[in-house]
Amino acid sequence: MQVSFYLLSDTPAENQAIQNELSTTPAHFTLACQLCADLYRAKQRVFVYTADQQQAEAFDELLWQFDAQRFVPHNLSGEGPKYGAPVEISWQAPRQNRQVLINLATEIPAFANRFSQIIEFVPAAEQLKVQARERFKQYRQLGVNPQTVNAG
């Protein structure tokens, strides 16, 4: 299992560059959209895990508003084609096997070990940083050595 933590800058100008026109959207959600697009182009099946239904619906809506040149076929769990779109979004455990987990929740999901690649975020907000550090420690306790990626 490969785990990557994307570190987001707390410099407002850099966050705005990441957020672009979706200024009310958390920077790590915007980055997650970009990663979904990149992973889709790389023919990876992605599961985006959210804290709750409201967050799942908000992320679904964000992907619909994302760059038209980089459309990402996606759906909420239980919607769409029989075997799901390349990107599935849910606040519940996935029904199908996928290679990549993008975790937008504040805790590691119980089913995380079903994925070969996990993407986590370290947002700029202090409370979210504390939660990310805790997840980092938990992965280490599971015998995984997470890598960090500077996202700007």
N, C-alpha and C. Protein backbone atom coordinates (compact mmCIF):
# COMPACT_ATOMS: atom_id res chain seq x y z
N MET A 1 0.84 -1.18 0.00
CA MET A 1 0.00 0.00 0.00
C MET A 1 0.88 1.24 0.00
N GLN A 2 0.61 2.14 -0.92
CA GLN A 2 1.36 3.40 -1.02
C GLN A 2 0.46 4.53 -0.53
N VAL A 3 0.95 5.32 0.43
CA VAL A 3 0.18 6.43 0.97
C VAL A 3 0.94 7.72 0.72
N SER A 4 0.24 8.71 0.15
CA SER A 4 0.83 10.02 -0.14
C SER A 4 0.03 11.09 0.57
N PHE A 5 0.73 11.95 1.30
CA PHE A 5 0.11 13.11 1.95
C PHE A 5 0.49 14.35 1.15
N TYR A 6 -0.50 15.05 0.64
CA TYR A 6 -0.26 16.28 -0.12
C TYR A 6 -0.32 17.46 0.85
N LEU A 7 0.81 18.17 0.97
CA LEU A 7 0.91 19.31 1.89
C LEU A 7 0.48 20.58 1.16
N LEU A 8 -0.55 21.23 1.69
CA LEU A 8 -1.02 22.47 1.08
C LEU A 8 -0.40 23.65 1.79
N SER A 9 -0.02 24.64 1.02
CA SER A 9 0.61 25.84 1.56
C SER A 9 -0.41 26.67 2.33
N ASP A 10 0.07 27.37 3.35
CA ASP A 10 -0.83 28.27 4.06
C ASP A 10 -0.66 29.71 3.60
N THR A 11 0.04 29.89 2.48
CA THR A 11 0.18 31.22 1.90
C THR A 11 -1.07 31.53 1.08
N PRO A 12 -1.84 32.55 1.46
CA PRO A 12 -3.11 32.82 0.78
C PRO A 12 -3.00 32.93 -0.73
N ALA A 13 -1.96 33.59 -1.25
CA ALA A 13 -1.84 33.76 -2.70
C ALA A 13 -1.72 32.41 -3.39
N GLU A 14 -0.95 31.49 -2.80
CA GLU A 14 -0.79 30.17 -3.41
C GLU A 14 -2.09 29.38 -3.32
N ASN A 15 -2.80 29.48 -2.20
CA ASN A 15 -4.08 28.78 -2.08
C ASN A 15 -5.07 29.29 -3.11
N GLN A 16 -5.07 30.61 -3.35
CA GLN A 16 -5.99 31.16 -4.34
C GLN A 16 -5.65 30.64 -5.73
N ALA A 17 -4.38 30.46 -6.02
CA ALA A 17 -3.98 29.93 -7.32
C ALA A 17 -4.52 28.51 -7.48
N ILE A 18 -4.48 27.72 -6.41
CA ILE A 18 -5.00 26.36 -6.47
C ILE A 18 -6.52 26.39 -6.58
N GLN A 19 -7.15 27.30 -5.84
CA GLN A 19 -8.61 27.34 -5.79
C GLN A 19 -9.23 27.93 -7.04
N ASN A 20 -8.52 28.74 -7.77
CA ASN A 20 -8.99 29.43 -8.97
C ASN A 20 -10.35 30.09 -8.75
N GLU A 21 -11.30 29.91 -9.67
CA GLU A 21 -12.58 30.62 -9.55
C GLU A 21 -13.50 30.03 -8.48
N LEU A 22 -13.19 28.88 -7.93
CA LEU A 22 -14.03 28.25 -6.93
C LEU A 22 -13.57 28.68 -5.54
N SER A 23 -13.65 29.98 -5.28
CA SER A 23 -13.00 30.55 -4.10
C SER A 23 -13.57 30.05 -2.77
N THR A 24 -14.81 29.59 -2.73
CA THR A 24 -15.35 29.11 -1.45
C THR A 24 -15.03 27.64 -1.21
N THR A 25 -14.39 27.02 -2.16
CA THR A 25 -14.05 25.60 -2.07
C THR A 25 -12.74 25.42 -1.33
N PRO A 26 -12.68 24.47 -0.37
CA PRO A 26 -11.39 24.21 0.30
C PRO A 26 -10.33 23.82 -0.74
N ALA A 27 -9.11 24.31 -0.54
CA ALA A 27 -8.03 24.05 -1.50
C ALA A 27 -7.80 22.57 -1.71
N HIS A 28 -7.94 21.75 -0.65
CA HIS A 28 -7.68 20.32 -0.84
C HIS A 28 -8.78 19.65 -1.65
N PHE A 29 -10.00 20.20 -1.69
CA PHE A 29 -11.05 19.66 -2.55
C PHE A 29 -10.71 19.96 -4.01
N THR A 30 -10.23 21.17 -4.27
CA THR A 30 -9.85 21.54 -5.63
C THR A 30 -8.70 20.67 -6.11
N LEU A 31 -7.71 20.46 -5.25
CA LEU A 31 -6.59 19.59 -5.60
C LEU A 31 -7.08 18.16 -5.83
N ALA A 32 -8.02 17.70 -5.02
CA ALA A 32 -8.58 16.35 -5.19
C ALA A 32 -9.26 16.23 -6.57
N CYS A 33 -9.93 17.28 -7.03
CA CYS A 33 -10.52 17.26 -8.37
C CYS A 33 -9.44 17.11 -9.43
N GLN A 34 -8.35 17.85 -9.28
CA GLN A 34 -7.25 17.77 -10.24
C GLN A 34 -6.65 16.36 -10.25
N LEU A 35 -6.50 15.79 -9.06
CA LEU A 35 -5.95 14.43 -8.98
C LEU A 35 -6.91 13.41 -9.59
N CYS A 36 -8.20 13.59 -9.39
CA CYS A 36 -9.20 12.70 -10.02
C CYS A 36 -9.05 12.75 -11.54
N ALA A 37 -8.89 13.95 -12.08
CA ALA A 37 -8.72 14.10 -13.53
C ALA A 37 -7.46 13.39 -14.00
N ASP A 38 -6.35 13.60 -13.28
CA ASP A 38 -5.09 12.96 -13.66
C ASP A 38 -5.19 11.44 -13.57
N LEU A 39 -5.79 10.94 -12.50
CA LEU A 39 -5.91 9.48 -12.31
C LEU A 39 -6.85 8.88 -13.35
N TYR A 40 -7.92 9.58 -13.68
CA TYR A 40 -8.84 9.11 -14.73
C TYR A 40 -8.09 8.99 -16.06
N ARG A 41 -7.29 10.00 -16.39
CA ARG A 41 -6.52 9.97 -17.64
C ARG A 41 -5.50 8.82 -17.62
N ALA A 42 -5.06 8.43 -16.43
CA ALA A 42 -4.12 7.31 -16.28
C ALA A 42 -4.85 5.98 -16.17
N LYS A 43 -6.16 6.01 -16.43
CA LYS A 43 -7.01 4.80 -16.43
C LYS A 43 -7.09 4.10 -15.07
N GLN A 44 -7.01 4.89 -14.00
CA GLN A 44 -7.15 4.36 -12.65
C GLN A 44 -8.61 4.54 -12.20
N ARG A 45 -9.11 3.55 -11.47
CA ARG A 45 -10.45 3.67 -10.89
C ARG A 45 -10.28 4.21 -9.48
N VAL A 46 -11.01 5.28 -9.17
CA VAL A 46 -10.81 6.05 -7.95
C VAL A 46 -12.06 6.03 -7.07
N PHE A 47 -11.82 5.93 -5.76
CA PHE A 47 -12.90 6.05 -4.79
C PHE A 47 -12.59 7.27 -3.92
N VAL A 48 -13.49 8.24 -3.92
CA VAL A 48 -13.33 9.44 -3.10
C VAL A 48 -14.20 9.26 -1.86
N TYR A 49 -13.54 9.19 -0.70
CA TYR A 49 -14.24 8.98 0.56
C TYR A 49 -14.42 10.31 1.28
N THR A 50 -15.66 10.59 1.68
CA THR A 50 -15.97 11.84 2.36
C THR A 50 -16.50 11.57 3.77
N ALA A 51 -16.55 12.61 4.57
CA ALA A 51 -16.98 12.48 5.96
C ALA A 51 -18.47 12.18 6.08
N ASP A 52 -19.28 12.70 5.16
CA ASP A 52 -20.72 12.52 5.25
C ASP A 52 -21.37 12.75 3.88
N GLN A 53 -22.68 12.56 3.84
CA GLN A 53 -23.42 12.69 2.58
C GLN A 53 -23.34 14.11 2.02
N GLN A 54 -23.43 15.10 2.88
CA GLN A 54 -23.37 16.49 2.43
C GLN A 54 -22.03 16.78 1.74
N GLN A 55 -20.94 16.30 2.32
CA GLN A 55 -19.62 16.51 1.72
C GLN A 55 -19.50 15.76 0.40
N ALA A 56 -20.06 14.55 0.34
CA ALA A 56 -20.04 13.77 -0.91
C ALA A 56 -20.78 14.51 -2.03
N GLU A 57 -21.95 15.04 -1.71
CA GLU A 57 -22.73 15.77 -2.71
C GLU A 57 -22.02 17.05 -3.14
N ALA A 58 -21.36 17.72 -2.20
CA ALA A 58 -20.62 18.94 -2.53
C ALA A 58 -19.44 18.63 -3.46
N PHE A 59 -18.73 17.52 -3.18
CA PHE A 59 -17.60 17.14 -4.04
C PHE A 59 -18.09 16.71 -5.42
N ASP A 60 -19.21 16.00 -5.47
CA ASP A 60 -19.82 15.60 -6.74
C ASP A 60 -20.13 16.85 -7.58
N GLU A 61 -20.72 17.85 -6.95
CA GLU A 61 -21.05 19.09 -7.64
C GLU A 61 -19.79 19.81 -8.11
N LEU A 62 -18.75 19.79 -7.28
CA LEU A 62 -17.49 20.42 -7.65
C LEU A 62 -16.89 19.77 -8.89
N LEU A 63 -16.96 18.45 -8.98
CA LEU A 63 -16.43 17.76 -10.17
C LEU A 63 -17.23 18.14 -11.42
N TRP A 64 -18.53 18.39 -11.28
CA TRP A 64 -19.32 18.82 -12.43
C TRP A 64 -18.89 20.21 -12.90
N GLN A 65 -18.44 21.05 -11.97
CA GLN A 65 -18.03 22.42 -12.30
C GLN A 65 -16.57 22.50 -12.73
N PHE A 66 -15.85 21.41 -12.58
CA PHE A 66 -14.41 21.39 -12.86
C PHE A 66 -14.16 21.64 -14.34
N ASP A 67 -12.96 22.04 -14.67
CA ASP A 67 -12.48 22.33 -16.01
C ASP A 67 -13.13 21.46 -17.09
N ALA A 68 -13.86 22.08 -18.00
CA ALA A 68 -14.60 21.35 -19.04
C ALA A 68 -13.68 20.53 -19.94
N GLN A 69 -12.43 20.99 -20.13
CA GLN A 69 -11.48 20.26 -20.97
C GLN A 69 -10.99 18.99 -20.28
N ARG A 70 -11.21 18.89 -18.99
CA ARG A 70 -10.72 17.74 -18.23
C ARG A 70 -11.88 17.01 -17.55
N PHE A 71 -13.00 16.86 -18.25
CA PHE A 71 -14.17 16.21 -17.66
C PHE A 71 -13.81 14.85 -17.06
N VAL A 72 -14.33 14.59 -15.88
CA VAL A 72 -14.07 13.35 -15.17
C VAL A 72 -15.40 12.61 -14.97
N PRO A 73 -15.60 11.45 -15.63
CA PRO A 73 -16.82 10.67 -15.40
C PRO A 73 -16.86 10.22 -13.94
N HIS A 74 -17.93 10.58 -13.26
CA HIS A 74 -18.03 10.26 -11.83
C HIS A 74 -19.49 10.10 -11.43
N ASN A 75 -19.70 9.52 -10.26
CA ASN A 75 -21.03 9.43 -9.69
C ASN A 75 -20.95 9.17 -8.19
N LEU A 76 -22.06 9.47 -7.53
CA LEU A 76 -22.17 9.09 -6.13
C LEU A 76 -22.42 7.60 -6.10
N SER A 77 -22.01 6.93 -5.03
CA SER A 77 -22.24 5.48 -4.90
C SER A 77 -23.70 5.15 -5.11
N GLY A 78 -23.94 4.10 -5.88
CA GLY A 78 -25.30 3.65 -6.13
C GLY A 78 -25.97 4.33 -7.30
N GLU A 79 -25.36 5.37 -7.85
CA GLU A 79 -25.90 6.05 -9.02
C GLU A 79 -25.07 5.65 -10.24
N GLY A 80 -25.55 6.01 -11.41
CA GLY A 80 -24.75 5.80 -12.61
C GLY A 80 -24.77 4.36 -13.11
N PRO A 81 -23.78 3.98 -13.93
CA PRO A 81 -23.73 2.66 -14.56
C PRO A 81 -23.57 1.53 -13.53
N LYS A 82 -23.91 0.33 -13.97
CA LYS A 82 -23.89 -0.84 -13.08
C LYS A 82 -22.57 -0.99 -12.32
N TYR A 83 -21.46 -0.85 -12.99
CA TYR A 83 -20.16 -1.02 -12.34
C TYR A 83 -19.54 0.30 -11.91
N GLY A 84 -20.33 1.36 -11.93
CA GLY A 84 -19.86 2.66 -11.48
C GLY A 84 -19.00 3.37 -12.50
N ALA A 85 -18.94 4.67 -12.34
CA ALA A 85 -18.08 5.49 -13.19
C ALA A 85 -16.63 5.31 -12.72
N PRO A 86 -15.68 5.78 -13.52
CA PRO A 86 -14.27 5.67 -13.11
C PRO A 86 -13.97 6.30 -11.75
N VAL A 87 -14.73 7.34 -11.39
CA VAL A 87 -14.56 7.98 -10.09
C VAL A 87 -15.88 7.86 -9.33
N GLU A 88 -15.81 7.21 -8.17
CA GLU A 88 -16.99 7.02 -7.33
C GLU A 88 -16.79 7.83 -6.05
N ILE A 89 -17.88 8.47 -5.59
CA ILE A 89 -17.81 9.32 -4.40
C ILE A 89 -18.81 8.80 -3.37
N SER A 90 -18.36 8.65 -2.12
CA SER A 90 -19.28 8.19 -1.08
C SER A 90 -18.74 8.47 0.31
N TRP A 91 -19.66 8.47 1.26
CA TRP A 91 -19.33 8.57 2.68
C TRP A 91 -19.43 7.19 3.33
N GLN A 92 -19.71 6.17 2.51
CA GLN A 92 -19.81 4.79 2.98
C GLN A 92 -18.75 3.94 2.27
N ALA A 93 -18.55 2.72 2.76
CA ALA A 93 -17.55 1.83 2.17
C ALA A 93 -17.88 1.55 0.69
N PRO A 94 -16.83 1.40 -0.13
CA PRO A 94 -17.06 1.13 -1.55
C PRO A 94 -17.65 -0.26 -1.76
N ARG A 95 -18.44 -0.38 -2.83
CA ARG A 95 -19.06 -1.67 -3.16
C ARG A 95 -18.19 -2.48 -4.11
N GLN A 96 -17.27 -1.79 -4.78
CA GLN A 96 -16.42 -2.46 -5.77
C GLN A 96 -14.96 -2.16 -5.49
N ASN A 97 -14.10 -2.99 -6.06
CA ASN A 97 -12.66 -2.77 -5.90
C ASN A 97 -12.20 -1.64 -6.81
N ARG A 98 -11.37 -0.80 -6.27
CA ARG A 98 -10.76 0.29 -7.01
C ARG A 98 -9.31 0.38 -6.58
N GLN A 99 -8.46 0.97 -7.41
CA GLN A 99 -7.04 1.03 -7.10
C GLN A 99 -6.70 2.15 -6.11
N VAL A 100 -7.37 3.31 -6.27
CA VAL A 100 -6.96 4.51 -5.56
C VAL A 100 -8.07 5.02 -4.63
N LEU A 101 -7.67 5.35 -3.41
CA LEU A 101 -8.56 5.98 -2.44
C LEU A 101 -8.09 7.41 -2.24
N ILE A 102 -9.00 8.37 -2.45
CA ILE A 102 -8.74 9.76 -2.08
C ILE A 102 -9.57 10.01 -0.83
N ASN A 103 -8.89 10.24 0.27
CA ASN A 103 -9.58 10.40 1.55
C ASN A 103 -9.77 11.88 1.87
N LEU A 104 -11.04 12.33 1.88
CA LEU A 104 -11.36 13.70 2.27
C LEU A 104 -11.90 13.77 3.69
N ALA A 105 -12.04 12.62 4.33
CA ALA A 105 -12.51 12.58 5.71
C ALA A 105 -11.35 12.86 6.66
N THR A 106 -11.68 13.08 7.94
CA THR A 106 -10.64 13.41 8.91
C THR A 106 -10.02 12.19 9.56
N GLU A 107 -10.55 10.99 9.27
CA GLU A 107 -10.02 9.76 9.82
C GLU A 107 -9.73 8.76 8.70
N ILE A 108 -8.86 7.81 8.99
CA ILE A 108 -8.58 6.74 8.03
C ILE A 108 -9.79 5.80 8.02
N PRO A 109 -10.37 5.53 6.85
CA PRO A 109 -11.51 4.61 6.83
C PRO A 109 -11.08 3.17 7.12
N ALA A 110 -11.97 2.42 7.72
CA ALA A 110 -11.67 1.03 8.11
C ALA A 110 -11.29 0.16 6.91
N PHE A 111 -11.76 0.53 5.73
CA PHE A 111 -11.52 -0.27 4.52
C PHE A 111 -10.30 0.19 3.73
N ALA A 112 -9.49 1.08 4.28
CA ALA A 112 -8.34 1.65 3.55
C ALA A 112 -7.40 0.58 3.02
N ASN A 113 -7.26 -0.54 3.73
CA ASN A 113 -6.31 -1.59 3.31
C ASN A 113 -6.73 -2.28 2.02
N ARG A 114 -7.91 -1.98 1.48
CA ARG A 114 -8.36 -2.57 0.22
C ARG A 114 -7.78 -1.85 -1.01
N PHE A 115 -7.04 -0.78 -0.78
CA PHE A 115 -6.53 0.04 -1.89
C PHE A 115 -5.02 -0.08 -2.00
N SER A 116 -4.51 -0.03 -3.24
CA SER A 116 -3.06 -0.08 -3.44
C SER A 116 -2.44 1.31 -3.30
N GLN A 117 -3.24 2.35 -3.52
CA GLN A 117 -2.74 3.72 -3.40
C GLN A 117 -3.76 4.55 -2.63
N ILE A 118 -3.27 5.32 -1.65
CA ILE A 118 -4.14 6.19 -0.85
C ILE A 118 -3.58 7.60 -0.91
N ILE A 119 -4.48 8.55 -1.15
CA ILE A 119 -4.09 9.96 -1.19
C ILE A 119 -4.77 10.66 -0.03
N GLU A 120 -3.96 11.34 0.77
CA GLU A 120 -4.41 12.11 1.93
C GLU A 120 -3.98 13.56 1.72
N PHE A 121 -4.56 14.45 2.52
CA PHE A 121 -4.23 15.87 2.40
C PHE A 121 -3.88 16.45 3.76
N VAL A 122 -2.97 17.43 3.74
CA VAL A 122 -2.64 18.20 4.94
C VAL A 122 -3.01 19.65 4.60
N PRO A 123 -4.27 20.03 4.89
CA PRO A 123 -4.71 21.40 4.60
C PRO A 123 -3.98 22.42 5.49
N ALA A 124 -4.07 23.68 5.13
CA ALA A 124 -3.37 24.74 5.85
C ALA A 124 -3.98 25.02 7.23
N ALA A 125 -5.28 24.82 7.40
CA ALA A 125 -5.93 25.12 8.68
C ALA A 125 -5.33 24.25 9.80
N GLU A 126 -5.03 24.87 10.92
CA GLU A 126 -4.31 24.19 12.00
C GLU A 126 -5.02 22.93 12.50
N GLN A 127 -6.32 23.01 12.73
CA GLN A 127 -7.06 21.83 13.23
C GLN A 127 -6.98 20.67 12.23
N LEU A 128 -7.06 20.97 10.94
CA LEU A 128 -6.97 19.93 9.92
C LEU A 128 -5.55 19.36 9.84
N LYS A 129 -4.55 20.22 10.09
CA LYS A 129 -3.16 19.74 10.13
C LYS A 129 -2.98 18.73 11.26
N VAL A 130 -3.54 19.03 12.42
CA VAL A 130 -3.44 18.14 13.58
C VAL A 130 -4.06 16.78 13.23
N GLN A 131 -5.23 16.80 12.60
CA GLN A 131 -5.89 15.55 12.22
C GLN A 131 -5.06 14.78 11.19
N ALA A 132 -4.44 15.49 10.25
CA ALA A 132 -3.60 14.84 9.25
C ALA A 132 -2.37 14.21 9.88
N ARG A 133 -1.78 14.89 10.85
CA ARG A 133 -0.62 14.32 11.55
C ARG A 133 -1.00 13.03 12.25
N GLU A 134 -2.20 13.01 12.83
CA GLU A 134 -2.67 11.81 13.52
C GLU A 134 -2.84 10.65 12.52
N ARG A 135 -3.38 10.93 11.35
CA ARG A 135 -3.53 9.88 10.32
C ARG A 135 -2.16 9.39 9.88
N PHE A 136 -1.21 10.31 9.73
CA PHE A 136 0.15 9.96 9.35
C PHE A 136 0.73 8.96 10.36
N LYS A 137 0.57 9.27 11.65
CA LYS A 137 1.06 8.38 12.72
C LYS A 137 0.37 7.02 12.65
N GLN A 138 -0.92 7.02 12.39
CA GLN A 138 -1.67 5.77 12.32
C GLN A 138 -1.17 4.89 11.18
N TYR A 139 -0.88 5.50 10.03
CA TYR A 139 -0.34 4.70 8.91
C TYR A 139 1.00 4.09 9.31
N ARG A 140 1.84 4.88 9.97
CA ARG A 140 3.13 4.35 10.42
C ARG A 140 2.94 3.16 11.36
N GLN A 141 1.95 3.26 12.26
CA GLN A 141 1.67 2.17 13.19
C GLN A 141 1.20 0.92 12.44
N LEU A 142 0.60 1.13 11.26
CA LEU A 142 0.17 0.00 10.43
C LEU A 142 1.31 -0.56 9.59
N GLY A 143 2.51 0.02 9.75
CA GLY A 143 3.67 -0.48 9.01
C GLY A 143 3.84 0.16 7.64
N VAL A 144 3.12 1.23 7.37
CA VAL A 144 3.21 1.93 6.10
C VAL A 144 4.05 3.18 6.31
N ASN A 145 4.98 3.45 5.41
CA ASN A 145 5.80 4.65 5.49
C ASN A 145 5.26 5.66 4.47
N PRO A 146 4.37 6.58 4.91
CA PRO A 146 3.77 7.52 3.95
C PRO A 146 4.81 8.47 3.37
N GLN A 147 4.57 8.87 2.13
CA GLN A 147 5.42 9.87 1.52
C GLN A 147 4.68 11.20 1.55
N THR A 148 5.43 12.28 1.53
CA THR A 148 4.79 13.61 1.49
C THR A 148 5.08 14.26 0.13
N VAL A 149 4.10 14.99 -0.34
CA VAL A 149 4.20 15.67 -1.63
C VAL A 149 3.85 17.13 -1.38
N ASN A 150 4.74 18.03 -1.75
CA ASN A 150 4.46 19.46 -1.57
C ASN A 150 3.54 19.90 -2.71
N ALA A 151 2.32 20.26 -2.35
CA ALA A 151 1.33 20.64 -3.36
C ALA A 151 1.32 22.14 -3.61
N GLY A 152 2.28 22.86 -3.08
CA GLY A 152 2.37 24.28 -3.38
C GLY A 152 2.34 25.12 -2.21
